[in-house]
Full PDB file with SEQRES, HELIX, SHEET, SSBOND, CRYST1, ORIGX, SCALE, CONECT and MASTER records, all heavy atoms in Angstrom:
SEQRES   1 A   42  ASP PHE PHE PHE ALA ASN ILE PHE PHE SER ASN LYS GLN          
SEQRES   2 A   42  PHE GLY PHE ILE LYS GLY ARG SER THR VAL LEU GLN LEU          
SEQRES   3 A   42  LEU GLN ILE LEU ASP ASP TRP THR LEU THR LEU ASP LEU          
SEQRES   4 A   42  GLY ILE GLN                                                  
HELIX    1 AA1 PHE A    2  ALA A    5  1                                   4    
HELIX    2 AA2 THR A   22  ASP A   38  1                                  17    
CRYST1    1.000    1.000    1.000  90.00  90.00  90.00 P 1           1          
ORIGX1      1.000000  0.000000  0.000000        0.00000                         
ORIGX2      0.000000  1.000000  0.000000        0.00000                         
ORIGX3      0.000000  0.000000  1.000000        0.00000                         
SCALE1      1.000000  0.000000  0.000000        0.00000                         
SCALE2      0.000000  1.000000  0.000000        0.00000                         
SCALE3      0.000000  0.000000  1.000000        0.00000                         
ATOM      1  N   ASP A   1      -8.879  36.375  21.623  1.00  0.00           N  
ATOM      2  CA  ASP A   1      -8.762  37.815  21.860  1.00  0.00           C  
ATOM      3  C   ASP A   1      -7.569  38.111  22.755  1.00  0.00           C  
ATOM      4  O   ASP A   1      -6.804  39.043  22.509  1.00  0.00           O  
ATOM      5  CB  ASP A   1     -10.048  38.367  22.492  1.00  0.00           C  
ATOM      6  CG  ASP A   1     -11.230  38.369  21.540  1.00  0.00           C  
ATOM      7  OD1 ASP A   1     -11.018  38.214  20.318  1.00  0.00           O  
ATOM      8  OD2 ASP A   1     -12.373  38.506  22.027  1.00  0.00           O  
ATOM      9  N   PHE A   2      -7.405  37.314  23.812  1.00  0.00           N  
ATOM     10  CA  PHE A   2      -6.292  37.491  24.740  1.00  0.00           C  
ATOM     11  C   PHE A   2      -4.959  37.286  24.018  1.00  0.00           C  
ATOM     12  O   PHE A   2      -4.023  38.077  24.172  1.00  0.00           O  
ATOM     13  CB  PHE A   2      -6.428  36.511  25.911  1.00  0.00           C  
ATOM     14  CG  PHE A   2      -5.317  36.612  26.924  1.00  0.00           C  
ATOM     15  CD1 PHE A   2      -5.388  37.543  27.945  1.00  0.00           C  
ATOM     16  CD2 PHE A   2      -4.209  35.783  26.851  1.00  0.00           C  
ATOM     17  CE1 PHE A   2      -4.364  37.647  28.880  1.00  0.00           C  
ATOM     18  CE2 PHE A   2      -3.182  35.876  27.773  1.00  0.00           C  
ATOM     19  CZ  PHE A   2      -3.261  36.817  28.788  1.00  0.00           C  
ATOM     20  N   PHE A   3      -4.855  36.228  23.226  1.00  0.00           N  
ATOM     21  CA  PHE A   3      -3.612  35.927  22.519  1.00  0.00           C  
ATOM     22  C   PHE A   3      -3.270  37.006  21.486  1.00  0.00           C  
ATOM     23  O   PHE A   3      -2.113  37.378  21.335  1.00  0.00           O  
ATOM     24  CB  PHE A   3      -3.678  34.557  21.855  1.00  0.00           C  
ATOM     25  CG  PHE A   3      -3.484  33.401  22.799  1.00  0.00           C  
ATOM     26  CD1 PHE A   3      -3.375  33.580  24.172  1.00  0.00           C  
ATOM     27  CD2 PHE A   3      -3.416  32.122  22.315  1.00  0.00           C  
ATOM     28  CE1 PHE A   3      -3.186  32.516  25.034  1.00  0.00           C  
ATOM     29  CE2 PHE A   3      -3.224  31.030  23.165  1.00  0.00           C  
ATOM     30  CZ  PHE A   3      -3.106  31.241  24.524  1.00  0.00           C  
ATOM     31  N   PHE A   4      -4.271  37.509  20.770  1.00  0.00           N  
ATOM     32  CA  PHE A   4      -4.015  38.580  19.801  1.00  0.00           C  
ATOM     33  C   PHE A   4      -3.604  39.870  20.514  1.00  0.00           C  
ATOM     34  O   PHE A   4      -2.682  40.555  20.082  1.00  0.00           O  
ATOM     35  CB  PHE A   4      -5.236  38.839  18.915  1.00  0.00           C  
ATOM     36  CG  PHE A   4      -5.350  37.895  17.755  1.00  0.00           C  
ATOM     37  CD1 PHE A   4      -6.444  37.049  17.632  1.00  0.00           C  
ATOM     38  CD2 PHE A   4      -4.366  37.850  16.778  1.00  0.00           C  
ATOM     39  CE1 PHE A   4      -6.545  36.178  16.565  1.00  0.00           C  
ATOM     40  CE2 PHE A   4      -4.469  36.981  15.702  1.00  0.00           C  
ATOM     41  CZ  PHE A   4      -5.560  36.142  15.605  1.00  0.00           C  
ATOM     42  N   ALA A   5      -4.302  40.202  21.609  1.00  0.00           N  
ATOM     43  CA  ALA A   5      -3.992  41.423  22.352  1.00  0.00           C  
ATOM     44  C   ALA A   5      -2.578  41.397  22.921  1.00  0.00           C  
ATOM     45  O   ALA A   5      -1.922  42.439  23.038  1.00  0.00           O  
ATOM     46  CB  ALA A   5      -5.002  41.618  23.486  1.00  0.00           C  
ATOM     47  N   ASN A   6      -2.090  40.209  23.264  1.00  0.00           N  
ATOM     48  CA  ASN A   6      -0.751  40.076  23.854  1.00  0.00           C  
ATOM     49  C   ASN A   6       0.301  39.621  22.841  1.00  0.00           C  
ATOM     50  O   ASN A   6       1.406  39.228  23.209  1.00  0.00           O  
ATOM     51  CB  ASN A   6      -0.803  39.116  25.034  1.00  0.00           C  
ATOM     52  CG  ASN A   6      -1.535  39.734  26.204  1.00  0.00           C  
ATOM     53  OD1 ASN A   6      -0.973  40.546  26.920  1.00  0.00           O  
ATOM     54  ND2 ASN A   6      -2.802  39.383  26.375  1.00  0.00           N  
ATOM     55  N   ILE A   7      -0.060  39.658  21.559  1.00  0.00           N  
ATOM     56  CA  ILE A   7       0.836  39.334  20.447  1.00  0.00           C  
ATOM     57  C   ILE A   7       1.518  37.974  20.641  1.00  0.00           C  
ATOM     58  O   ILE A   7       2.737  37.847  20.573  1.00  0.00           O  
ATOM     59  CB  ILE A   7       1.879  40.458  20.223  1.00  0.00           C  
ATOM     60  CG1 ILE A   7       1.185  41.825  20.212  1.00  0.00           C  
ATOM     61  CG2 ILE A   7       2.610  40.247  18.897  1.00  0.00           C  
ATOM     62  CD1 ILE A   7       2.135  42.999  20.247  1.00  0.00           C  
ATOM     63  N   PHE A   8       0.711  36.942  20.917  1.00  0.00           N  
ATOM     64  CA  PHE A   8       1.234  35.586  21.072  1.00  0.00           C  
ATOM     65  C   PHE A   8       1.315  34.837  19.750  1.00  0.00           C  
ATOM     66  O   PHE A   8       1.872  33.759  19.695  1.00  0.00           O  
ATOM     67  CB  PHE A   8       0.379  34.776  22.049  1.00  0.00           C  
ATOM     68  CG  PHE A   8       0.586  35.146  23.490  1.00  0.00           C  
ATOM     69  CD1 PHE A   8      -0.388  34.872  24.427  1.00  0.00           C  
ATOM     70  CD2 PHE A   8       1.748  35.748  23.931  1.00  0.00           C  
ATOM     71  CE1 PHE A   8      -0.201  35.188  25.761  1.00  0.00           C  
ATOM     72  CE2 PHE A   8       1.943  36.076  25.253  1.00  0.00           C  
ATOM     73  CZ  PHE A   8       0.957  35.799  26.170  1.00  0.00           C  
ATOM     74  N   PHE A   9       0.736  35.394  18.686  1.00  0.00           N  
ATOM     75  CA  PHE A   9       0.775  34.737  17.392  1.00  0.00           C  
ATOM     76  C   PHE A   9       1.782  35.429  16.486  1.00  0.00           C  
ATOM     77  O   PHE A   9       1.819  36.646  16.405  1.00  0.00           O  
ATOM     78  CB  PHE A   9      -0.592  34.770  16.698  1.00  0.00           C  
ATOM     79  CG  PHE A   9      -1.625  33.903  17.335  1.00  0.00           C  
ATOM     80  CD1 PHE A   9      -2.781  34.449  17.852  1.00  0.00           C  
ATOM     81  CD2 PHE A   9      -1.451  32.529  17.410  1.00  0.00           C  
ATOM     82  CE1 PHE A   9      -3.739  33.641  18.432  1.00  0.00           C  
ATOM     83  CE2 PHE A   9      -2.400  31.720  17.988  1.00  0.00           C  
ATOM     84  CZ  PHE A   9      -3.553  32.278  18.500  1.00  0.00           C  
ATOM     85  N   SER A  10       2.563  34.628  15.799  1.00  0.00           N  
ATOM     86  CA  SER A  10       3.488  35.137  14.790  1.00  0.00           C  
ATOM     87  C   SER A  10       2.690  35.509  13.545  1.00  0.00           C  
ATOM     88  O   SER A  10       1.620  34.941  13.289  1.00  0.00           O  
ATOM     89  CB  SER A  10       4.496  34.034  14.453  1.00  0.00           C  
ATOM     90  OG  SER A  10       5.117  34.280  13.222  1.00  0.00           O  
ATOM     91  N   ASN A  11       3.228  36.424  12.769  1.00  0.00           N  
ATOM     92  CA  ASN A  11       2.597  36.753  11.481  1.00  0.00           C  
ATOM     93  C   ASN A  11       2.669  35.574  10.523  1.00  0.00           C  
ATOM     94  O   ASN A  11       2.010  35.566   9.502  1.00  0.00           O  
ATOM     95  CB  ASN A  11       3.271  37.979  10.857  1.00  0.00           C  
ATOM     96  CG  ASN A  11       2.903  39.245  11.578  1.00  0.00           C  
ATOM     97  OD1 ASN A  11       1.859  39.338  12.210  1.00  0.00           O  
ATOM     98  ND2 ASN A  11       3.766  40.230  11.504  1.00  0.00           N  
ATOM     99  N   LYS A  12       3.471  34.589  10.856  1.00  0.00           N  
ATOM    100  CA  LYS A  12       3.608  33.396  10.025  1.00  0.00           C  
ATOM    101  C   LYS A  12       2.590  32.317  10.395  1.00  0.00           C  
ATOM    102  O   LYS A  12       2.537  31.272   9.760  1.00  0.00           O  
ATOM    103  CB  LYS A  12       5.032  32.852  10.128  1.00  0.00           C  
ATOM    104  CG  LYS A  12       6.069  33.836   9.608  1.00  0.00           C  
ATOM    105  CD  LYS A  12       7.453  33.274   9.704  1.00  0.00           C  
ATOM    106  CE  LYS A  12       8.549  34.223   9.383  1.00  0.00           C  
ATOM    107  NZ  LYS A  12       8.405  35.165   8.347  1.00  0.00           N  
ATOM    108  N   GLN A  13       1.790  32.544  11.441  1.00  0.00           N  
ATOM    109  CA  GLN A  13       0.752  31.587  11.851  1.00  0.00           C  
ATOM    110  C   GLN A  13      -0.481  31.796  10.986  1.00  0.00           C  
ATOM    111  O   GLN A  13      -1.047  32.880  10.972  1.00  0.00           O  
ATOM    112  CB  GLN A  13       0.397  31.792  13.329  1.00  0.00           C  
ATOM    113  CG  GLN A  13      -0.823  31.028  13.791  1.00  0.00           C  
ATOM    114  CD  GLN A  13      -0.607  29.534  13.851  1.00  0.00           C  
ATOM    115  OE1 GLN A  13       0.480  29.086  14.170  1.00  0.00           O  
ATOM    116  NE2 GLN A  13      -1.623  28.777  13.543  1.00  0.00           N  
ATOM    117  N   PHE A  14      -0.880  30.762  10.262  1.00  0.00           N  
ATOM    118  CA  PHE A  14      -2.040  30.886   9.381  1.00  0.00           C  
ATOM    119  C   PHE A  14      -3.168  29.944   9.774  1.00  0.00           C  
ATOM    120  O   PHE A  14      -4.322  30.335   9.779  1.00  0.00           O  
ATOM    121  CB  PHE A  14      -1.640  30.628   7.919  1.00  0.00           C  
ATOM    122  CG  PHE A  14      -0.986  31.810   7.276  1.00  0.00           C  
ATOM    123  CD1 PHE A  14       0.360  32.052   7.479  1.00  0.00           C  
ATOM    124  CD2 PHE A  14      -1.713  32.671   6.485  1.00  0.00           C  
ATOM    125  CE1 PHE A  14       0.978  33.141   6.891  1.00  0.00           C  
ATOM    126  CE2 PHE A  14      -1.100  33.769   5.887  1.00  0.00           C  
ATOM    127  CZ  PHE A  14       0.249  34.001   6.092  1.00  0.00           C  
ATOM    128  N   GLY A  15      -2.865  28.696  10.069  1.00  0.00           N  
ATOM    129  CA  GLY A  15      -3.909  27.725  10.363  1.00  0.00           C  
ATOM    130  C   GLY A  15      -4.708  28.088  11.596  1.00  0.00           C  
ATOM    131  O   GLY A  15      -4.163  28.585  12.583  1.00  0.00           O  
ATOM    132  N   PHE A  16      -5.993  27.883  11.530  1.00  0.00           N  
ATOM    133  CA  PHE A  16      -6.920  28.039  12.645  1.00  0.00           C  
ATOM    134  C   PHE A  16      -7.139  29.487  13.083  1.00  0.00           C  
ATOM    135  O   PHE A  16      -7.627  29.740  14.165  1.00  0.00           O  
ATOM    136  CB  PHE A  16      -6.489  27.202  13.858  1.00  0.00           C  
ATOM    137  CG  PHE A  16      -6.199  25.764  13.516  1.00  0.00           C  
ATOM    138  CD1 PHE A  16      -4.922  25.263  13.615  1.00  0.00           C  
ATOM    139  CD2 PHE A  16      -7.202  24.925  13.070  1.00  0.00           C  
ATOM    140  CE1 PHE A  16      -4.644  23.939  13.292  1.00  0.00           C  
ATOM    141  CE2 PHE A  16      -6.944  23.609  12.749  1.00  0.00           C  
ATOM    142  CZ  PHE A  16      -5.658  23.117  12.860  1.00  0.00           C  
ATOM    143  N   ILE A  17      -6.735  30.442  12.257  1.00  0.00           N  
ATOM    144  CA  ILE A  17      -6.954  31.847  12.590  1.00  0.00           C  
ATOM    145  C   ILE A  17      -7.840  32.460  11.518  1.00  0.00           C  
ATOM    146  O   ILE A  17      -7.546  32.359  10.314  1.00  0.00           O  
ATOM    147  CB  ILE A  17      -5.617  32.611  12.695  1.00  0.00           C  
ATOM    148  CG1 ILE A  17      -4.809  32.070  13.877  1.00  0.00           C  
ATOM    149  CG2 ILE A  17      -5.858  34.104  12.852  1.00  0.00           C  
ATOM    150  CD1 ILE A  17      -3.480  32.741  14.087  1.00  0.00           C  
ATOM    151  N   LYS A  18      -8.909  33.105  11.952  1.00  0.00           N  
ATOM    152  CA  LYS A  18      -9.869  33.709  11.037  1.00  0.00           C  
ATOM    153  C   LYS A  18      -9.169  34.704  10.106  1.00  0.00           C  
ATOM    154  O   LYS A  18      -8.404  35.550  10.558  1.00  0.00           O  
ATOM    155  CB  LYS A  18     -10.964  34.421  11.830  1.00  0.00           C  
ATOM    156  CG  LYS A  18     -12.127  34.886  10.999  1.00  0.00           C  
ATOM    157  CD  LYS A  18     -13.232  35.449  11.866  1.00  0.00           C  
ATOM    158  CE  LYS A  18     -14.424  35.775  11.021  1.00  0.00           C  
ATOM    159  NZ  LYS A  18     -15.567  36.167  11.830  1.00  0.00           N  
ATOM    160  N   GLY A  19      -9.422  34.557   8.804  1.00  0.00           N  
ATOM    161  CA  GLY A  19      -8.835  35.453   7.821  1.00  0.00           C  
ATOM    162  C   GLY A  19      -7.430  35.064   7.388  1.00  0.00           C  
ATOM    163  O   GLY A  19      -6.836  35.740   6.564  1.00  0.00           O  
ATOM    164  N   ARG A  20      -6.884  33.987   7.968  1.00  0.00           N  
ATOM    165  CA  ARG A  20      -5.532  33.537   7.612  1.00  0.00           C  
ATOM    166  C   ARG A  20      -5.573  32.043   7.309  1.00  0.00           C  
ATOM    167  O   ARG A  20      -5.150  31.227   8.107  1.00  0.00           O  
ATOM    168  CB  ARG A  20      -4.550  33.772   8.755  1.00  0.00           C  
ATOM    169  CG  ARG A  20      -4.287  35.208   9.085  1.00  0.00           C  
ATOM    170  CD  ARG A  20      -3.073  35.246   9.983  1.00  0.00           C  
ATOM    171  NE  ARG A  20      -3.054  36.418  10.820  1.00  0.00           N  
ATOM    172  CZ  ARG A  20      -2.188  36.605  11.782  1.00  0.00           C  
ATOM    173  NH1 ARG A  20      -1.287  35.690  12.059  1.00  0.00           N  
ATOM    174  NH2 ARG A  20      -2.206  37.690  12.496  1.00  0.00           N  
ATOM    175  N   SER A  21      -6.079  31.686   6.175  1.00  0.00           N  
ATOM    176  CA  SER A  21      -6.223  30.275   5.825  1.00  0.00           C  
ATOM    177  C   SER A  21      -4.896  29.673   5.387  1.00  0.00           C  
ATOM    178  O   SER A  21      -3.953  30.388   5.038  1.00  0.00           O  
ATOM    179  CB  SER A  21      -7.241  30.111   4.695  1.00  0.00           C  
ATOM    180  OG  SER A  21      -6.701  30.633   3.495  1.00  0.00           O  
ATOM    181  N   THR A  22      -4.849  28.369   5.390  1.00  0.00           N  
ATOM    182  CA  THR A  22      -3.645  27.693   4.914  1.00  0.00           C  
ATOM    183  C   THR A  22      -3.472  27.898   3.410  1.00  0.00           C  
ATOM    184  O   THR A  22      -2.351  27.900   2.918  1.00  0.00           O  
ATOM    185  CB  THR A  22      -3.676  26.193   5.261  1.00  0.00           C  
ATOM    186  OG1 THR A  22      -4.908  25.626   4.797  1.00  0.00           O  
ATOM    187  CG2 THR A  22      -3.563  25.983   6.758  1.00  0.00           C  
ATOM    188  N   VAL A  23      -4.565  28.106   2.689  1.00  0.00           N  
ATOM    189  CA  VAL A  23      -4.463  28.411   1.249  1.00  0.00           C  
ATOM    190  C   VAL A  23      -3.771  29.766   1.068  1.00  0.00           C  
ATOM    191  O   VAL A  23      -2.890  29.923   0.215  1.00  0.00           O  
ATOM    192  CB  VAL A  23      -5.855  28.413   0.579  1.00  0.00           C  
ATOM    193  CG1 VAL A  23      -5.776  28.929  -0.846  1.00  0.00           C  
ATOM    194  CG2 VAL A  23      -6.473  27.024   0.616  1.00  0.00           C  
ATOM    195  N   LEU A  24      -4.140  30.743   1.886  1.00  0.00           N  
ATOM    196  CA  LEU A  24      -3.490  32.055   1.835  1.00  0.00           C  
ATOM    197  C   LEU A  24      -1.997  31.918   2.145  1.00  0.00           C  
ATOM    198  O   LEU A  24      -1.152  32.547   1.509  1.00  0.00           O  
ATOM    199  CB  LEU A  24      -4.148  33.022   2.809  1.00  0.00           C  
ATOM    200  CG  LEU A  24      -3.607  34.442   2.833  1.00  0.00           C  
ATOM    201  CD1 LEU A  24      -3.748  35.103   1.471  1.00  0.00           C  
ATOM    202  CD2 LEU A  24      -4.327  35.264   3.902  1.00  0.00           C  
ATOM    203  N   GLN A  25      -1.665  31.048   3.094  1.00  0.00           N  
ATOM    204  CA  GLN A  25      -0.259  30.818   3.427  1.00  0.00           C  
ATOM    205  C   GLN A  25       0.493  30.234   2.225  1.00  0.00           C  
ATOM    206  O   GLN A  25       1.607  30.653   1.920  1.00  0.00           O  
ATOM    207  CB  GLN A  25      -0.133  29.885   4.623  1.00  0.00           C  
ATOM    208  CG  GLN A  25       1.310  29.657   5.038  1.00  0.00           C  
ATOM    209  CD  GLN A  25       1.432  28.720   6.203  1.00  0.00           C  
ATOM    210  OE1 GLN A  25       0.603  27.831   6.396  1.00  0.00           O  
ATOM    211  NE2 GLN A  25       2.478  28.900   6.990  1.00  0.00           N  
ATOM    212  N   LEU A  26      -0.125  29.270   1.552  1.00  0.00           N  
ATOM    213  CA  LEU A  26       0.512  28.679   0.369  1.00  0.00           C  
ATOM    214  C   LEU A  26       0.733  29.724  -0.727  1.00  0.00           C  
ATOM    215  O   LEU A  26       1.776  29.737  -1.379  1.00  0.00           O  
ATOM    216  CB  LEU A  26      -0.333  27.521  -0.162  1.00  0.00           C  
ATOM    217  CG  LEU A  26      -0.326  26.256   0.681  1.00  0.00           C  
ATOM    218  CD1 LEU A  26      -1.374  25.269   0.168  1.00  0.00           C  
ATOM    219  CD2 LEU A  26       1.053  25.621   0.712  1.00  0.00           C  
ATOM    220  N   LEU A  27      -0.237  30.596  -0.933  1.00  0.00           N  
ATOM    221  CA  LEU A  27      -0.080  31.652  -1.939  1.00  0.00           C  
ATOM    222  C   LEU A  27       1.045  32.611  -1.555  1.00  0.00           C  
ATOM    223  O   LEU A  27       1.844  33.020  -2.404  1.00  0.00           O  
ATOM    224  CB  LEU A  27      -1.391  32.415  -2.111  1.00  0.00           C  
ATOM    225  CG  LEU A  27      -2.518  31.640  -2.792  1.00  0.00           C  
ATOM    226  CD1 LEU A  27      -3.827  32.425  -2.715  1.00  0.00           C  
ATOM    227  CD2 LEU A  27      -2.162  31.306  -4.224  1.00  0.00           C  
ATOM    228  N   GLN A  28       1.127  32.937  -0.266  1.00  0.00           N  
ATOM    229  CA  GLN A  28       2.180  33.847   0.192  1.00  0.00           C  
ATOM    230  C   GLN A  28       3.557  33.210   0.031  1.00  0.00           C  
ATOM    231  O   GLN A  28       4.498  33.852  -0.445  1.00  0.00           O  
ATOM    232  CB  GLN A  28       1.959  34.243   1.644  1.00  0.00           C  
ATOM    233  CG  GLN A  28       3.006  35.224   2.141  1.00  0.00           C  
ATOM    234  CD  GLN A  28       2.749  35.717   3.541  1.00  0.00           C  
ATOM    235  OE1 GLN A  28       1.619  35.811   3.977  1.00  0.00           O  
ATOM    236  NE2 GLN A  28       3.807  36.036   4.260  1.00  0.00           N  
ATOM    237  N   ILE A  29       3.700  31.952   0.405  1.00  0.00           N  
ATOM    238  CA  ILE A  29       4.997  31.285   0.299  1.00  0.00           C  
ATOM    239  C   ILE A  29       5.389  31.103  -1.171  1.00  0.00           C  
ATOM    240  O   ILE A  29       6.555  31.229  -1.533  1.00  0.00           O  
ATOM    241  CB  ILE A  29       5.033  29.957   1.081  1.00  0.00           C  
ATOM    242  CG1 ILE A  29       6.483  29.520   1.348  1.00  0.00           C  
ATOM    243  CG2 ILE A  29       4.317  28.846   0.380  1.00  0.00           C  
ATOM    244  CD1 ILE A  29       7.218  30.353   2.308  1.00  0.00           C  
ATOM    245  N   LEU A  30       4.407  30.859  -2.037  1.00  0.00           N  
ATOM    246  CA  LEU A  30       4.687  30.762  -3.471  1.00  0.00           C  
ATOM    247  C   LEU A  30       5.230  32.095  -3.997  1.00  0.00           C  
ATOM    248  O   LEU A  30       6.196  32.124  -4.771  1.00  0.00           O  
ATOM    249  CB  LEU A  30       3.429  30.347  -4.237  1.00  0.00           C  
ATOM    250  CG  LEU A  30       3.592  30.160  -5.732  1.00  0.00           C  
ATOM    251  CD1 LEU A  30       4.588  29.051  -6.053  1.00  0.00           C  
ATOM    252  CD2 LEU A  30       2.249  29.863  -6.378  1.00  0.00           C  
ATOM    253  N   ASP A  31       4.629  33.193  -3.557  1.00  0.00           N  
ATOM    254  CA  ASP A  31       5.122  34.523  -3.922  1.00  0.00           C  
ATOM    255  C   ASP A  31       6.564  34.722  -3.449  1.00  0.00           C  
ATOM    256  O   ASP A  31       7.423  35.184  -4.202  1.00  0.00           O  
ATOM    257  CB  ASP A  31       4.248  35.611  -3.281  1.00  0.00           C  
ATOM    258  CG  ASP A  31       3.283  36.236  -4.243  1.00  0.00           C  
ATOM    259  OD1 ASP A  31       3.274  35.856  -5.424  1.00  0.00           O  
ATOM    260  OD2 ASP A  31       2.530  37.127  -3.794  1.00  0.00           O  
ATOM    261  N   ASP A  32       6.813  34.372  -2.184  1.00  0.00           N  
ATOM    262  CA  ASP A  32       8.162  34.530  -1.605  1.00  0.00           C  
ATOM    263  C   ASP A  32       9.183  33.696  -2.374  1.00  0.00           C  
ATOM    264  O   ASP A  32      10.284  34.157  -2.677  1.00  0.00           O  
ATOM    265  CB  ASP A  32       8.168  34.124  -0.124  1.00  0.00           C  
ATOM    266  CG  ASP A  32       7.367  35.070   0.760  1.00  0.00           C  
ATOM    267  OD1 ASP A  32       7.002  36.170   0.301  1.00  0.00           O  
ATOM    268  OD2 ASP A  32       7.098  34.691   1.920  1.00  0.00           O  
ATOM    269  N   TRP A  33       8.830  32.442  -2.663  1.00  0.00           N  
ATOM    270  CA  TRP A  33       9.759  31.556  -3.370  1.00  0.00           C  
ATOM    271  C   TRP A  33      10.021  32.052  -4.796  1.00  0.00           C  
ATOM    272  O   TRP A  33      11.145  31.987  -5.273  1.00  0.00           O  
ATOM    273  CB  TRP A  33       9.233  30.128  -3.396  1.00  0.00           C  
ATOM    274  CG  TRP A  33       9.298  29.436  -2.073  1.00  0.00           C  
ATOM    275  CD1 TRP A  33       9.928  29.863  -0.942  1.00  0.00           C  
ATOM    276  CD2 TRP A  33       8.702  28.187  -1.746  1.00  0.00           C  
ATOM    277  NE1 TRP A  33       9.759  28.960   0.075  1.00  0.00           N  
ATOM    278  CE2 TRP A  33       9.016  27.912  -0.390  1.00  0.00           C  
ATOM    279  CE3 TRP A  33       7.936  27.278  -2.437  1.00  0.00           C  
ATOM    280  CZ2 TRP A  33       8.592  26.769   0.255  1.00  0.00           C  
ATOM    281  CZ3 TRP A  33       7.504  26.132  -1.795  1.00  0.00           C  
ATOM    282  CH2 TRP A  33       7.838  25.877  -0.456  1.00  0.00           C  
ATOM    283  N   THR A  34       8.981  32.521  -5.455  1.00  0.00           N  
ATOM    284  CA  THR A  34       9.144  33.027  -6.826  1.00  0.00           C  
ATOM    285  C   THR A  34      10.099  34.215  -6.835  1.00  0.00           C  
ATOM    286  O   THR A  34      11.010  34.288  -7.670  1.00  0.00           O  
ATOM    287  CB  THR A  34       7.774  33.424  -7.421  1.00  0.00           C  
ATOM    288  OG1 THR A  34       6.910  32.284  -7.403  1.00  0.00           O  
ATOM    289  CG2 THR A  34       7.914  33.937  -8.841  1.00  0.00           C  
ATOM    290  N   LEU A  35       9.915  35.150  -5.922  1.00  0.00           N  
ATOM    291  CA  LEU A  35      10.800  36.309  -5.825  1.00  0.00           C  
ATOM    292  C   LEU A  35      12.234  35.872  -5.537  1.00  0.00           C  
ATOM    293  O   LEU A  35      13.185  36.341  -6.172  1.00  0.00           O  
ATOM    294  CB  LEU A  35      10.309  37.268  -4.733  1.00  0.00           C  
ATOM    295  CG  LEU A  35      11.196  38.479  -4.460  1.00  0.00           C  
ATOM    296  CD1 LEU A  35      11.291  39.379  -5.692  1.00  0.00           C  
ATOM    297  CD2 LEU A  35      10.680  39.257  -3.259  1.00  0.00           C  
ATOM    298  N   THR A  36      12.390  34.944  -4.593  1.00  0.00           N  
ATOM    299  CA  THR A  36      13.720  34.450  -4.220  1.00  0.00           C  
ATOM    300  C   THR A  36      14.414  33.790  -5.407  1.00  0.00           C  
ATOM    301  O   THR A  36      15.591  34.054  -5.677  1.00  0.00           O  
ATOM    302  CB  THR A  36      13.608  33.465  -3.037  1.00  0.00           C  
ATOM    303  OG1 THR A  36      12.993  34.147  -1.940  1.00  0.00           O  
ATOM    304  CG2 THR A  36      14.961  32.957  -2.604  1.00  0.00           C  
ATOM    305  N   LEU A  37      13.691  32.937  -6.124  1.00  0.00           N  
ATOM    306  CA  LEU A  37      14.269  32.267  -7.286  1.00  0.00           C  
ATOM    307  C   LEU A  37      14.611  33.266  -8.391  1.00  0.00           C  
ATOM    308  O   LEU A  37      15.633  33.136  -9.064  1.00  0.00           O  
ATOM    309  CB  LEU A  37      13.322  31.188  -7.807  1.00  0.00           C  
ATOM    310  CG  LEU A  37      13.176  29.954  -6.914  1.00  0.00           C  
ATOM    311  CD1 LEU A  37      12.064  29.049  -7.424  1.00  0.00           C  
ATOM    312  CD2 LEU A  37      14.490  29.198  -6.805  1.00  0.00           C  
ATOM    313  N   ASP A  38      13.751  34.280  -8.580  1.00  0.00           N  
ATOM    314  CA  ASP A  38      14.031  35.320  -9.575  1.00  0.00           C  
ATOM    315  C   ASP A  38      15.316  36.071  -9.255  1.00  0.00           C  
ATOM    316  O   ASP A  38      16.003  36.553 -10.150  1.00  0.00           O  
ATOM    317  CB  ASP A  38      12.872  36.318  -9.673  1.00  0.00           C  
ATOM    318  CG  ASP A  38      11.664  35.754 -10.404  1.00  0.00           C  
ATOM    319  OD1 ASP A  38      11.798  34.691 -11.048  1.00  0.00           O  
ATOM    320  OD2 ASP A  38      10.583  36.372 -10.320  1.00  0.00           O  
ATOM    321  N   LEU A  39      15.661  36.150  -7.971  1.00  0.00           N  
ATOM    322  CA  LEU A  39      16.895  36.821  -7.549  1.00  0.00           C  
ATOM    323  C   LEU A  39      18.102  35.885  -7.610  1.00  0.00           C  
ATOM    324  O   LEU A  39      19.219  36.273  -7.267  1.00  0.00           O  
ATOM    325  CB  LEU A  39      16.737  37.376  -6.127  1.00  0.00           C  
ATOM    326  CG  LEU A  39      15.713  38.493  -5.957  1.00  0.00           C  
ATOM    327  CD1 LEU A  39      15.517  38.827  -4.484  1.00  0.00           C  
ATOM    328  CD2 LEU A  39      16.142  39.739  -6.734  1.00  0.00           C  
ATOM    329  N   GLY A  40      17.862  34.633  -8.023  1.00  0.00           N  
ATOM    330  CA  GLY A  40      18.948  33.668  -8.152  1.00  0.00           C  
ATOM    331  C   GLY A  40      19.392  33.058  -6.836  1.00  0.00           C  
ATOM    332  O   GLY A  40      20.499  32.540  -6.722  1.00  0.00           O  
ATOM    333  N   ILE A  41      18.541  33.121  -5.834  1.00  0.00           N  
ATOM    334  CA  ILE A  41      18.875  32.590  -4.510  1.00  0.00           C  
ATOM    335  C   ILE A  41      18.293  31.188  -4.364  1.00  0.00           C  
ATOM    336  O   ILE A  41      17.153  30.927  -4.771  1.00  0.00           O  
ATOM    337  CB  ILE A  41      18.328  33.515  -3.400  1.00  0.00           C  
ATOM    338  CG1 ILE A  41      18.928  34.928  -3.550  1.00  0.00           C  
ATOM    339  CG2 ILE A  41      18.624  32.939  -2.019  1.00  0.00           C  
ATOM    340  CD1 ILE A  41      18.289  35.966  -2.650  1.00  0.00           C  
ATOM    341  N   GLN A  42      19.091  30.302  -3.788  1.00  0.00           N  
ATOM    342  CA  GLN A  42      18.659  28.911  -3.558  1.00  0.00           C  
ATOM    343  C   GLN A  42      17.611  28.862  -2.449  1.00  0.00           C  
ATOM    344  O   GLN A  42      17.657  29.633  -1.484  1.00  0.00           O  
ATOM    345  CB  GLN A  42      19.870  28.070  -3.142  1.00  0.00           C  
ATOM    346  CG  GLN A  42      19.518  26.645  -2.793  1.00  0.00           C  
ATOM    347  CD  GLN A  42      20.748  25.847  -2.376  1.00  0.00           C  
ATOM    348  OE1 GLN A  42      21.827  26.069  -2.901  1.00  0.00           O  
ATOM    349  NE2 GLN A  42      20.565  24.942  -1.443  1.00  0.00           N  
TER     350      GLN A  42                                                      
MASTER        0    0    0    2    0    0    0    6  349    1    0    4          
END                                                                             
């Protein structure tokens, strides 16, 4: 509660946080990579 209230976690932190599983992180990064590749970016 203290860490969330003081914004000590990045939005990129997924592991060990309720509602932010590592599976969700993998799905998000897959989305990001797909979009990036569709734009022709390495």
